[in-house]
């Protein structure tokens, strides 16, 4: 029989379970000093449909060359694309990143404001990137839904459901925890239920086979 779902206990167990694994890449970049809102938005653009193992090095190459909106604006879109290659759609992302740098300079003096409406209005930025960047860079309690969090309904429905269930104090941290948890334990295929720290509380919805 499954136990009641206790969020604080679950968070404690998941924190411990993901400790051996690399952190989610945008949190890792922030810890390395790339934590401005502009840098986080750019890193998230790079991450779209791109594996974290590619995203991190690509973002570091770009930031080593140009870490501010002013410096990125000095590059051509093609040069930005070359720096972030082999990120998926690197040429288009180069154009988007250049456009974001230009708007940051023209409209906000080079520093993007912690304003969701502004961030969502940037080229290529959707709810996932906006929420993740605002959560990390601005400490705003927001849930970002990516492939490791959302697997069944639309990302927007998943985000709304999580916001309804999770205490607001957990919203930023859940973004950090669920990426490594989804990559290494609660995987999309054959999840590692035998090693899951919350198996006694998990309803295992949709799980027909597991490890």
N, C-alpha and C. Protein backbone atom coordinates (compact mmCIF):
# COMPACT_ATOMS: atom_id res chain seq x y z
N UNK A 1 0.84 -1.20 0.00
CA UNK A 1 0.00 0.00 0.00
C UNK A 1 0.88 1.26 0.00
N UNK A 2 0.52 2.23 -0.86
CA UNK A 2 1.30 3.46 -0.97
C UNK A 2 1.03 4.38 0.22
N UNK A 3 2.09 5.09 0.60
CA UNK A 3 2.00 6.04 1.70
C UNK A 3 1.49 7.39 1.18
N UNK A 4 0.94 8.24 2.04
CA UNK A 4 0.53 9.59 1.62
C UNK A 4 1.73 10.36 1.08
N UNK A 5 1.49 11.21 0.10
CA UNK A 5 2.56 11.99 -0.52
C UNK A 5 2.87 13.19 0.36
N UNK A 6 4.05 13.19 0.96
CA UNK A 6 4.47 14.28 1.85
C UNK A 6 5.58 15.07 1.17
N UNK A 7 5.27 16.28 0.75
CA UNK A 7 6.16 17.03 -0.12
C UNK A 7 7.52 17.31 0.51
N UNK A 8 7.57 17.65 1.78
CA UNK A 8 8.87 17.95 2.39
C UNK A 8 9.75 16.71 2.46
N UNK A 9 9.16 15.57 2.76
CA UNK A 9 9.91 14.33 2.78
C UNK A 9 10.37 13.95 1.38
N UNK A 10 9.50 14.14 0.39
CA UNK A 10 9.87 13.86 -0.99
C UNK A 10 11.03 14.74 -1.42
N UNK A 11 10.96 16.03 -1.14
CA UNK A 11 12.04 16.95 -1.52
C UNK A 11 13.35 16.54 -0.87
N UNK A 12 13.32 16.17 0.40
CA UNK A 12 14.54 15.73 1.08
C UNK A 12 15.12 14.49 0.40
N UNK A 13 14.28 13.54 0.08
CA UNK A 13 14.76 12.30 -0.53
C UNK A 13 15.30 12.52 -1.93
N UNK A 14 14.61 13.36 -2.70
CA UNK A 14 15.07 13.62 -4.07
C UNK A 14 16.38 14.41 -4.05
N UNK A 15 16.52 15.37 -3.15
CA UNK A 15 17.80 16.09 -3.01
C UNK A 15 18.95 15.11 -2.83
N UNK A 16 18.76 14.17 -1.92
CA UNK A 16 19.81 13.21 -1.63
C UNK A 16 20.05 12.28 -2.82
N UNK A 17 18.99 11.89 -3.50
CA UNK A 17 19.11 10.96 -4.62
C UNK A 17 19.88 11.56 -5.79
N UNK A 18 19.73 12.86 -6.04
CA UNK A 18 20.39 13.48 -7.19
C UNK A 18 21.76 14.05 -6.85
N UNK A 19 22.16 13.96 -5.59
CA UNK A 19 23.43 14.54 -5.17
C UNK A 19 24.63 14.03 -6.00
N UNK A 20 24.68 12.75 -6.37
CA UNK A 20 25.85 12.28 -7.13
C UNK A 20 25.89 12.75 -8.59
N UNK A 21 24.79 13.31 -9.09
CA UNK A 21 24.69 13.64 -10.51
C UNK A 21 24.96 15.12 -10.76
N UNK A 22 25.41 15.45 -11.98
CA UNK A 22 25.63 16.86 -12.31
C UNK A 22 24.34 17.65 -12.17
N UNK A 23 24.42 18.90 -11.71
CA UNK A 23 23.22 19.72 -11.59
C UNK A 23 22.66 20.09 -12.96
N UNK A 24 21.41 20.52 -12.98
CA UNK A 24 20.83 21.04 -14.21
C UNK A 24 21.72 22.16 -14.74
N UNK A 25 21.89 22.19 -16.06
CA UNK A 25 22.97 22.99 -16.65
C UNK A 25 22.84 24.49 -16.36
N UNK A 26 21.63 25.04 -16.34
CA UNK A 26 21.52 26.47 -16.10
C UNK A 26 21.86 26.84 -14.66
N UNK A 27 21.55 25.95 -13.73
CA UNK A 27 21.97 26.16 -12.33
C UNK A 27 23.49 26.04 -12.23
N UNK A 28 24.06 25.12 -12.98
CA UNK A 28 25.50 24.94 -12.99
C UNK A 28 26.19 26.18 -13.54
N UNK A 29 25.66 26.73 -14.63
CA UNK A 29 26.23 27.95 -15.21
C UNK A 29 26.12 29.13 -14.24
N UNK A 30 25.00 29.24 -13.55
CA UNK A 30 24.84 30.32 -12.58
C UNK A 30 25.87 30.20 -11.47
N UNK A 31 26.13 28.97 -11.02
CA UNK A 31 27.11 28.76 -9.95
C UNK A 31 28.52 29.12 -10.42
N UNK A 32 28.74 29.05 -11.74
CA UNK A 32 30.05 29.40 -12.29
C UNK A 32 30.20 30.89 -12.56
N UNK A 33 29.15 31.66 -12.28
CA UNK A 33 29.23 33.11 -12.46
C UNK A 33 28.44 33.64 -13.63
N UNK A 34 27.73 32.76 -14.35
CA UNK A 34 26.92 33.20 -15.48
C UNK A 34 25.46 33.26 -15.06
N UNK A 35 25.19 34.12 -14.10
CA UNK A 35 23.87 34.15 -13.48
C UNK A 35 23.05 35.38 -13.76
N UNK A 36 23.51 36.28 -14.65
CA UNK A 36 22.66 37.43 -14.98
C UNK A 36 21.46 36.96 -15.78
N UNK A 37 20.41 37.76 -15.78
CA UNK A 37 19.21 37.38 -16.51
C UNK A 37 19.51 37.24 -18.00
N UNK A 38 20.31 38.13 -18.55
CA UNK A 38 20.68 38.02 -19.96
C UNK A 38 21.39 36.70 -20.22
N UNK A 39 22.36 36.34 -19.40
CA UNK A 39 23.10 35.10 -19.60
C UNK A 39 22.19 33.87 -19.45
N UNK A 40 21.28 33.91 -18.49
CA UNK A 40 20.39 32.78 -18.28
C UNK A 40 19.41 32.64 -19.45
N UNK A 41 18.90 33.73 -19.96
CA UNK A 41 18.01 33.66 -21.13
C UNK A 41 18.76 33.10 -22.33
N UNK A 42 19.96 33.58 -22.55
CA UNK A 42 20.77 33.09 -23.67
C UNK A 42 21.07 31.60 -23.51
N UNK A 43 21.46 31.20 -22.32
CA UNK A 43 21.76 29.78 -22.08
C UNK A 43 20.52 28.92 -22.34
N UNK A 44 19.36 29.42 -21.95
CA UNK A 44 18.14 28.64 -22.16
C UNK A 44 17.79 28.56 -23.64
N UNK A 45 18.01 29.63 -24.38
CA UNK A 45 17.81 29.57 -25.84
C UNK A 45 18.69 28.48 -26.43
N UNK A 46 19.94 28.43 -26.02
CA UNK A 46 20.87 27.40 -26.52
C UNK A 46 20.37 26.01 -26.17
N UNK A 47 19.75 25.87 -24.99
CA UNK A 47 19.35 24.55 -24.49
C UNK A 47 18.15 23.94 -25.20
N UNK A 48 17.39 24.75 -25.93
CA UNK A 48 16.15 24.26 -26.54
C UNK A 48 16.46 23.12 -27.52
N UNK A 49 15.85 21.96 -27.28
CA UNK A 49 16.03 20.76 -28.10
C UNK A 49 17.49 20.34 -28.21
N UNK A 50 18.25 20.67 -27.19
CA UNK A 50 19.68 20.35 -27.16
C UNK A 50 20.01 19.68 -25.84
N UNK A 51 20.82 18.65 -25.88
CA UNK A 51 21.19 17.94 -24.66
C UNK A 51 22.04 18.83 -23.76
N UNK A 52 21.90 18.60 -22.45
CA UNK A 52 22.65 19.42 -21.49
C UNK A 52 24.15 19.28 -21.69
N UNK A 53 24.60 18.11 -22.11
CA UNK A 53 26.03 17.88 -22.34
C UNK A 53 26.56 18.75 -23.47
N UNK A 54 25.68 19.21 -24.34
CA UNK A 54 26.06 20.12 -25.43
C UNK A 54 25.84 21.58 -25.01
N UNK A 55 24.75 21.81 -24.30
CA UNK A 55 24.38 23.17 -23.91
C UNK A 55 25.46 23.85 -23.07
N UNK A 56 25.95 23.15 -22.05
CA UNK A 56 26.93 23.76 -21.15
C UNK A 56 28.18 24.24 -21.87
N UNK A 57 28.87 23.36 -22.61
CA UNK A 57 30.07 23.81 -23.33
C UNK A 57 29.76 24.91 -24.35
N UNK A 58 28.62 24.83 -25.02
CA UNK A 58 28.28 25.86 -26.02
C UNK A 58 28.10 27.23 -25.34
N UNK A 59 27.38 27.25 -24.22
CA UNK A 59 27.18 28.51 -23.51
C UNK A 59 28.51 29.06 -22.99
N UNK A 60 29.36 28.19 -22.49
CA UNK A 60 30.67 28.65 -21.98
C UNK A 60 31.53 29.22 -23.09
N UNK A 61 31.49 28.61 -24.29
CA UNK A 61 32.26 29.16 -25.40
C UNK A 61 31.78 30.56 -25.76
N UNK A 62 30.46 30.73 -25.80
CA UNK A 62 29.92 32.04 -26.13
C UNK A 62 30.28 33.06 -25.05
N UNK A 63 30.10 32.71 -23.79
CA UNK A 63 30.34 33.67 -22.71
C UNK A 63 31.83 33.97 -22.54
N UNK A 64 32.69 33.04 -22.92
CA UNK A 64 34.13 33.32 -22.87
C UNK A 64 34.49 34.40 -23.88
N UNK A 65 33.75 34.46 -24.96
CA UNK A 65 33.99 35.46 -26.00
C UNK A 65 33.18 36.73 -25.75
N UNK A 66 31.94 36.55 -25.28
CA UNK A 66 31.04 37.70 -25.11
C UNK A 66 30.04 37.37 -24.01
N UNK A 67 30.20 37.97 -22.84
CA UNK A 67 29.37 37.61 -21.69
C UNK A 67 28.29 38.64 -21.37
N UNK A 68 28.24 39.73 -22.10
CA UNK A 68 27.24 40.77 -21.85
C UNK A 68 26.48 41.06 -23.14
N UNK A 69 25.36 41.73 -23.00
CA UNK A 69 24.57 42.09 -24.18
C UNK A 69 25.40 42.96 -25.13
N UNK A 70 26.17 43.87 -24.56
CA UNK A 70 26.98 44.76 -25.41
C UNK A 70 28.01 43.97 -26.20
N UNK A 71 28.66 43.00 -25.55
CA UNK A 71 29.68 42.20 -26.23
C UNK A 71 29.05 41.27 -27.26
N UNK A 72 27.91 40.67 -26.92
CA UNK A 72 27.23 39.79 -27.88
C UNK A 72 26.77 40.58 -29.09
N UNK A 73 26.33 41.80 -28.88
CA UNK A 73 25.86 42.63 -29.99
C UNK A 73 26.97 42.94 -30.99
N UNK A 74 28.22 42.92 -30.52
CA UNK A 74 29.35 43.18 -31.41
C UNK A 74 29.63 42.01 -32.34
N UNK A 75 29.10 40.84 -32.02
CA UNK A 75 29.28 39.67 -32.88
C UNK A 75 28.18 39.63 -33.94
N UNK A 76 28.45 38.96 -35.03
CA UNK A 76 27.40 38.73 -36.02
C UNK A 76 26.57 37.52 -35.60
N UNK A 77 25.33 37.43 -36.07
CA UNK A 77 24.56 36.22 -35.78
C UNK A 77 25.28 34.94 -36.21
N UNK A 78 25.98 35.01 -37.33
CA UNK A 78 26.71 33.84 -37.81
C UNK A 78 27.84 33.46 -36.85
N UNK A 79 28.52 34.47 -36.30
CA UNK A 79 29.60 34.19 -35.35
C UNK A 79 29.05 33.59 -34.06
N UNK A 80 27.90 34.07 -33.62
CA UNK A 80 27.26 33.49 -32.43
C UNK A 80 26.89 32.04 -32.70
N UNK A 81 26.30 31.79 -33.87
CA UNK A 81 25.94 30.43 -34.24
C UNK A 81 27.14 29.51 -34.27
N UNK A 82 28.25 30.00 -34.79
CA UNK A 82 29.47 29.17 -34.84
C UNK A 82 29.98 28.84 -33.44
N UNK A 83 29.85 29.79 -32.51
CA UNK A 83 30.32 29.56 -31.15
C UNK A 83 29.47 28.54 -30.41
N UNK A 84 28.17 28.52 -30.69
CA UNK A 84 27.29 27.60 -29.95
C UNK A 84 27.08 26.27 -30.69
N UNK A 85 27.61 26.15 -31.88
CA UNK A 85 27.54 24.88 -32.60
C UNK A 85 28.26 23.81 -31.78
N UNK A 86 27.72 22.58 -31.63
CA UNK A 86 26.65 21.92 -32.38
C UNK A 86 25.28 21.95 -31.70
N UNK A 87 24.94 22.98 -30.95
CA UNK A 87 23.59 23.07 -30.43
C UNK A 87 22.59 22.99 -31.57
N UNK A 88 21.47 22.37 -31.33
CA UNK A 88 20.45 22.22 -32.35
C UNK A 88 19.99 23.59 -32.84
N UNK A 89 19.81 23.72 -34.16
CA UNK A 89 19.35 24.96 -34.78
C UNK A 89 20.27 26.14 -34.43
N UNK A 90 21.57 25.89 -34.41
CA UNK A 90 22.50 26.92 -33.94
C UNK A 90 22.47 28.19 -34.78
N UNK A 91 22.19 28.06 -36.09
CA UNK A 91 22.16 29.26 -36.92
C UNK A 91 20.98 30.17 -36.54
N UNK A 92 19.80 29.55 -36.39
CA UNK A 92 18.63 30.34 -35.98
C UNK A 92 18.79 30.90 -34.58
N UNK A 93 19.38 30.11 -33.69
CA UNK A 93 19.60 30.59 -32.32
C UNK A 93 20.60 31.74 -32.30
N UNK A 94 21.56 31.71 -33.20
CA UNK A 94 22.50 32.84 -33.30
C UNK A 94 21.78 34.13 -33.62
N UNK A 95 20.79 34.05 -34.50
CA UNK A 95 20.01 35.23 -34.85
C UNK A 95 19.15 35.67 -33.67
N UNK A 96 18.54 34.71 -32.98
CA UNK A 96 17.70 35.05 -31.83
C UNK A 96 18.52 35.70 -30.72
N UNK A 97 19.68 35.13 -30.42
CA UNK A 97 20.53 35.67 -29.35
C UNK A 97 21.00 37.08 -29.69
N UNK A 98 21.35 37.29 -30.95
CA UNK A 98 21.77 38.63 -31.37
C UNK A 98 20.62 39.62 -31.22
N UNK A 99 19.41 39.20 -31.58
CA UNK A 99 18.25 40.08 -31.46
C UNK A 99 17.95 40.40 -30.00
N UNK A 100 18.13 39.43 -29.12
CA UNK A 100 17.91 39.66 -27.69
C UNK A 100 18.93 40.66 -27.15
N UNK A 101 20.18 40.51 -27.56
CA UNK A 101 21.22 41.46 -27.13
C UNK A 101 20.90 42.87 -27.60
N UNK A 102 20.44 42.99 -28.84
CA UNK A 102 20.11 44.30 -29.39
C UNK A 102 18.98 44.95 -28.62
N UNK A 103 17.93 44.17 -28.31
CA UNK A 103 16.80 44.72 -27.56
C UNK A 103 17.20 45.07 -26.13
N UNK A 104 18.05 44.23 -25.54
CA UNK A 104 18.50 44.54 -24.18
C UNK A 104 19.21 45.89 -24.13
N UNK A 105 19.99 46.17 -25.16
CA UNK A 105 20.72 47.44 -25.22
C UNK A 105 19.78 48.60 -25.52
N UNK A 106 18.97 48.43 -26.57
CA UNK A 106 18.12 49.53 -27.03
C UNK A 106 17.03 49.90 -26.04
N UNK A 107 16.48 48.89 -25.36
CA UNK A 107 15.30 49.13 -24.52
C UNK A 107 15.58 49.11 -23.02
N UNK A 108 16.72 48.50 -22.62
CA UNK A 108 16.93 48.31 -21.18
C UNK A 108 18.36 48.61 -20.73
N UNK A 109 19.08 49.34 -21.53
CA UNK A 109 20.43 49.73 -21.14
C UNK A 109 21.40 48.56 -21.01
N UNK A 110 21.09 47.45 -21.63
CA UNK A 110 21.99 46.29 -21.62
C UNK A 110 21.66 45.24 -20.59
N UNK A 111 20.83 45.57 -19.60
CA UNK A 111 20.49 44.63 -18.53
C UNK A 111 19.00 44.34 -18.59
N UNK A 112 18.63 43.11 -18.87
CA UNK A 112 17.21 42.75 -18.95
C UNK A 112 16.55 42.90 -17.59
N UNK A 113 15.33 43.42 -17.55
CA UNK A 113 14.62 43.57 -16.27
C UNK A 113 13.96 42.26 -15.85
N UNK A 114 13.75 42.09 -14.57
CA UNK A 114 13.08 40.89 -14.04
C UNK A 114 11.58 41.05 -14.21
N UNK A 115 11.16 41.05 -15.46
CA UNK A 115 9.77 41.29 -15.81
C UNK A 115 9.35 40.20 -16.80
N UNK A 116 8.42 39.36 -16.39
CA UNK A 116 8.03 38.21 -17.22
C UNK A 116 7.50 38.64 -18.58
N UNK A 117 6.74 39.73 -18.61
CA UNK A 117 6.18 40.18 -19.88
C UNK A 117 7.28 40.58 -20.85
N UNK A 118 8.30 41.24 -20.34
CA UNK A 118 9.43 41.63 -21.19
C UNK A 118 10.17 40.40 -21.69
N UNK A 119 10.44 39.46 -20.81
CA UNK A 119 11.23 38.28 -21.18
C UNK A 119 10.46 37.42 -22.18
N UNK A 120 9.16 37.26 -21.98
CA UNK A 120 8.35 36.48 -22.91
C UNK A 120 8.23 37.15 -24.27
N UNK A 121 8.50 38.44 -24.32
CA UNK A 121 8.44 39.16 -25.59
C UNK A 121 9.72 39.07 -26.40
N UNK A 122 10.74 38.42 -25.86
CA UNK A 122 12.02 38.30 -26.57
C UNK A 122 11.97 37.18 -27.60
N UNK A 123 12.74 37.33 -28.63
CA UNK A 123 12.76 36.36 -29.73
C UNK A 123 13.12 34.96 -29.24
N UNK A 124 12.22 33.99 -29.49
CA UNK A 124 12.51 32.60 -29.17
C UNK A 124 12.29 32.19 -27.73
N UNK A 125 11.83 33.11 -26.87
CA UNK A 125 11.68 32.80 -25.45
C UNK A 125 10.23 32.41 -25.15
N UNK A 126 10.02 31.18 -24.68
CA UNK A 126 8.71 30.72 -24.28
C UNK A 126 8.59 30.64 -22.77
N UNK A 127 7.47 30.11 -22.27
CA UNK A 127 7.26 30.05 -20.81
C UNK A 127 8.34 29.28 -20.07
N UNK A 128 8.83 28.17 -20.64
CA UNK A 128 9.85 27.39 -19.94
C UNK A 128 11.11 28.23 -19.71
N UNK A 129 11.62 28.84 -20.78
CA UNK A 129 12.86 29.63 -20.64
C UNK A 129 12.64 30.85 -19.76
N UNK A 130 11.52 31.50 -19.93
CA UNK A 130 11.25 32.69 -19.11
C UNK A 130 11.20 32.33 -17.64
N UNK A 131 10.46 31.27 -17.31
CA UNK A 131 10.33 30.89 -15.90
C UNK A 131 11.65 30.43 -15.30
N UNK A 132 12.40 29.65 -16.07
CA UNK A 132 13.68 29.15 -15.55
C UNK A 132 14.67 30.29 -15.34
N UNK A 133 14.79 31.18 -16.32
CA UNK A 133 15.72 32.29 -16.21
C UNK A 133 15.33 33.24 -15.09
N UNK A 134 14.04 33.55 -14.99
CA UNK A 134 13.58 34.46 -13.93
C UNK A 134 13.72 33.82 -12.55
N UNK A 135 13.55 32.51 -12.48
CA UNK A 135 13.72 31.83 -11.20
C UNK A 135 15.16 31.87 -10.73
N UNK A 136 16.08 31.57 -11.64
CA UNK A 136 17.49 31.50 -11.26
C UNK A 136 18.09 32.89 -11.08
N UNK A 137 17.89 33.76 -12.06
CA UNK A 137 18.55 35.07 -12.04
C UNK A 137 17.86 36.07 -11.12
N UNK A 138 16.54 35.96 -10.98
CA UNK A 138 15.79 36.97 -10.23
C UNK A 138 15.16 36.42 -8.96
N UNK A 139 15.37 35.12 -8.71
CA UNK A 139 14.81 34.46 -7.52
C UNK A 139 13.29 34.58 -7.46
N UNK A 140 12.66 34.59 -8.61
CA UNK A 140 11.20 34.61 -8.66
C UNK A 140 10.68 33.17 -8.59
N UNK A 141 9.68 32.90 -7.75
CA UNK A 141 9.16 31.54 -7.63
C UNK A 141 8.36 31.15 -8.87
N UNK A 142 9.00 30.41 -9.76
CA UNK A 142 8.37 30.00 -11.01
C UNK A 142 8.77 28.57 -11.32
N UNK A 143 7.87 27.83 -11.94
CA UNK A 143 8.15 26.45 -12.33
C UNK A 143 8.40 26.40 -13.82
N UNK A 144 9.51 25.80 -14.21
CA UNK A 144 9.84 25.63 -15.62
C UNK A 144 9.66 24.16 -15.98
N UNK A 145 8.88 23.88 -17.00
CA UNK A 145 8.57 22.50 -17.36
C UNK A 145 9.35 22.13 -18.62
N UNK A 146 10.25 21.13 -18.51
CA UNK A 146 10.95 20.65 -19.69
C UNK A 146 10.67 19.17 -19.85
N UNK A 147 11.40 18.51 -20.75
CA UNK A 147 11.11 17.11 -21.09
C UNK A 147 11.23 16.18 -19.89
N UNK A 148 12.06 16.53 -18.91
CA UNK A 148 12.23 15.66 -17.75
C UNK A 148 11.11 15.85 -16.72
N UNK A 149 10.32 16.90 -16.90
CA UNK A 149 9.22 17.17 -15.98
C UNK A 149 7.89 16.80 -16.64
N UNK A 150 7.78 17.14 -17.92
CA UNK A 150 6.53 16.95 -18.64
C UNK A 150 6.64 15.80 -19.62
N UNK A 151 5.70 14.86 -19.53
CA UNK A 151 5.72 13.76 -20.49
C UNK A 151 4.35 13.43 -21.06
N UNK A 152 3.27 13.94 -20.48
CA UNK A 152 1.95 13.47 -20.89
C UNK A 152 1.09 14.59 -21.45
N UNK A 153 0.74 15.57 -20.63
CA UNK A 153 -0.11 16.67 -21.08
C UNK A 153 0.77 17.75 -21.71
N UNK A 154 0.19 18.91 -22.03
CA UNK A 154 1.01 19.99 -22.55
C UNK A 154 1.88 20.56 -21.43
N UNK A 155 3.02 21.15 -21.77
CA UNK A 155 3.85 21.76 -20.72
C UNK A 155 3.10 22.78 -19.88
N UNK A 156 2.22 23.57 -20.52
CA UNK A 156 1.47 24.58 -19.77
C UNK A 156 0.54 23.93 -18.76
N UNK A 157 -0.10 22.82 -19.14
CA UNK A 157 -0.98 22.12 -18.19
C UNK A 157 -0.17 21.52 -17.04
N UNK A 158 1.01 20.98 -17.38
CA UNK A 158 1.87 20.42 -16.35
C UNK A 158 2.30 21.50 -15.37
N UNK A 159 2.68 22.67 -15.90
CA UNK A 159 3.11 23.77 -15.06
C UNK A 159 1.99 24.21 -14.12
N UNK A 160 0.77 24.33 -14.65
CA UNK A 160 -0.37 24.74 -13.83
C UNK A 160 -0.66 23.71 -12.74
N UNK A 161 -0.57 22.43 -13.11
CA UNK A 161 -0.83 21.37 -12.13
C UNK A 161 0.20 21.39 -11.01
N UNK A 162 1.48 21.58 -11.38
CA UNK A 162 2.53 21.63 -10.37
C UNK A 162 2.37 22.84 -9.46
N UNK A 163 2.01 23.97 -10.03
CA UNK A 163 1.82 25.17 -9.22
C UNK A 163 0.68 24.97 -8.21
N UNK A 164 -0.33 24.20 -8.61
CA UNK A 164 -1.47 23.96 -7.72
C UNK A 164 -1.10 23.01 -6.58
N UNK A 165 -0.14 22.11 -6.83
CA UNK A 165 0.19 21.07 -5.85
C UNK A 165 1.38 21.45 -4.96
N UNK A 166 2.36 22.13 -5.55
CA UNK A 166 3.59 22.41 -4.83
C UNK A 166 3.52 23.72 -4.05
N UNK A 167 4.02 23.76 -2.82
CA UNK A 167 4.16 25.04 -2.13
C UNK A 167 5.09 25.97 -2.92
N UNK A 168 4.81 27.23 -2.92
CA UNK A 168 5.60 28.19 -3.70
C UNK A 168 7.08 28.14 -3.34
N UNK A 169 7.39 27.84 -2.09
CA UNK A 169 8.79 27.79 -1.66
C UNK A 169 9.59 26.71 -2.38
N UNK A 170 8.90 25.77 -3.03
CA UNK A 170 9.58 24.67 -3.73
C UNK A 170 9.75 24.93 -5.22
N UNK A 171 9.15 25.99 -5.72
CA UNK A 171 9.06 26.15 -7.18
C UNK A 171 10.41 26.28 -7.87
N UNK A 172 11.32 27.05 -7.33
CA UNK A 172 12.63 27.21 -7.99
C UNK A 172 13.44 25.94 -7.84
N UNK A 173 13.45 25.38 -6.64
CA UNK A 173 14.28 24.19 -6.41
C UNK A 173 13.81 23.00 -7.22
N UNK A 174 12.51 22.87 -7.46
CA UNK A 174 12.02 21.73 -8.22
C UNK A 174 12.60 21.73 -9.63
N UNK A 175 12.88 22.93 -10.18
CA UNK A 175 13.51 23.02 -11.49
C UNK A 175 14.91 22.41 -11.46
N UNK A 176 15.61 22.62 -10.35
CA UNK A 176 16.97 22.08 -10.21
C UNK A 176 16.96 20.58 -10.00
N UNK A 177 15.99 20.08 -9.23
CA UNK A 177 15.98 18.67 -8.85
C UNK A 177 15.45 17.74 -9.92
N UNK A 178 14.40 18.16 -10.64
CA UNK A 178 13.73 17.21 -11.51
C UNK A 178 14.50 16.89 -12.79
N UNK A 179 15.41 17.77 -13.21
CA UNK A 179 16.20 17.43 -14.40
C UNK A 179 17.10 16.23 -14.14
N UNK A 180 17.99 16.26 -13.12
CA UNK A 180 18.79 15.05 -12.88
C UNK A 180 17.95 13.86 -12.43
N UNK A 181 16.86 14.11 -11.71
CA UNK A 181 15.99 13.02 -11.27
C UNK A 181 15.35 12.33 -12.48
N UNK A 182 14.91 13.13 -13.44
CA UNK A 182 14.29 12.58 -14.64
C UNK A 182 15.28 11.93 -15.59
N UNK A 183 16.52 12.40 -15.58
CA UNK A 183 17.55 11.83 -16.46
C UNK A 183 18.09 10.51 -15.94
N UNK A 184 18.19 10.38 -14.62
CA UNK A 184 18.92 9.25 -14.06
C UNK A 184 18.07 8.27 -13.25
N UNK A 185 16.91 8.67 -12.80
CA UNK A 185 16.11 7.79 -11.94
C UNK A 185 14.72 7.57 -12.55
N UNK A 186 13.91 8.60 -12.61
CA UNK A 186 12.56 8.47 -13.15
C UNK A 186 12.58 8.74 -14.65
N UNK A 187 13.22 7.84 -15.39
CA UNK A 187 13.44 8.01 -16.82
C UNK A 187 12.14 7.76 -17.60
N UNK A 188 12.10 8.27 -18.83
CA UNK A 188 10.90 8.11 -19.64
C UNK A 188 10.61 6.67 -20.00
N UNK A 189 11.66 5.89 -20.25
CA UNK A 189 11.51 4.47 -20.54
C UNK A 189 12.20 3.67 -19.45
N UNK A 190 11.54 2.62 -19.01
CA UNK A 190 12.09 1.75 -17.97
C UNK A 190 12.66 2.54 -16.79
N UNK A 191 11.83 3.28 -16.10
CA UNK A 191 12.34 4.03 -14.94
C UNK A 191 12.95 3.10 -13.90
N UNK A 192 13.90 3.65 -13.15
CA UNK A 192 14.62 2.87 -12.13
C UNK A 192 13.81 2.86 -10.83
N UNK A 193 12.63 2.25 -10.87
CA UNK A 193 11.76 2.24 -9.70
C UNK A 193 12.40 1.54 -8.51
N UNK A 194 13.25 0.55 -8.79
CA UNK A 194 13.89 -0.19 -7.69
C UNK A 194 14.84 0.69 -6.89
N UNK A 195 15.31 1.79 -7.51
CA UNK A 195 16.22 2.71 -6.83
C UNK A 195 15.55 4.04 -6.47
N UNK A 196 14.25 4.13 -6.67
CA UNK A 196 13.56 5.40 -6.46
C UNK A 196 13.38 5.67 -4.97
N UNK A 197 13.77 6.85 -4.51
CA UNK A 197 13.66 7.16 -3.08
C UNK A 197 12.23 7.46 -2.64
N UNK A 198 11.32 7.63 -3.60
CA UNK A 198 9.94 7.95 -3.23
C UNK A 198 8.97 6.88 -3.75
N UNK A 199 9.47 5.67 -3.99
CA UNK A 199 8.62 4.60 -4.51
C UNK A 199 7.44 4.32 -3.59
N UNK A 200 7.66 4.43 -2.29
CA UNK A 200 6.58 4.12 -1.35
C UNK A 200 5.42 5.11 -1.43
N UNK A 201 5.67 6.30 -2.05
CA UNK A 201 4.62 7.30 -2.20
C UNK A 201 4.18 7.48 -3.64
N UNK A 202 4.93 6.94 -4.60
CA UNK A 202 4.64 7.14 -6.02
C UNK A 202 3.55 6.19 -6.50
N UNK A 203 2.58 6.72 -7.24
CA UNK A 203 1.48 5.90 -7.78
C UNK A 203 1.89 5.17 -9.05
N UNK A 204 3.07 5.47 -9.59
CA UNK A 204 3.61 4.81 -10.80
C UNK A 204 2.59 4.83 -11.95
N UNK A 205 1.97 5.97 -12.15
CA UNK A 205 0.96 6.12 -13.20
C UNK A 205 1.63 5.92 -14.57
N UNK A 206 1.09 5.04 -15.38
CA UNK A 206 1.61 4.81 -16.72
C UNK A 206 2.82 3.93 -16.79
N UNK A 207 3.31 3.43 -15.66
CA UNK A 207 4.50 2.57 -15.65
C UNK A 207 4.06 1.12 -15.79
N UNK A 208 4.42 0.52 -16.92
CA UNK A 208 4.09 -0.89 -17.14
C UNK A 208 5.30 -1.78 -16.93
N UNK A 209 6.48 -1.23 -17.21
CA UNK A 209 7.73 -1.96 -16.99
C UNK A 209 8.74 -1.01 -16.35
N UNK A 210 9.59 -1.55 -15.53
CA UNK A 210 10.59 -0.70 -14.88
C UNK A 210 11.79 -1.54 -14.51
N UNK A 211 12.84 -0.85 -14.07
CA UNK A 211 14.06 -1.52 -13.64
C UNK A 211 14.16 -1.48 -12.12
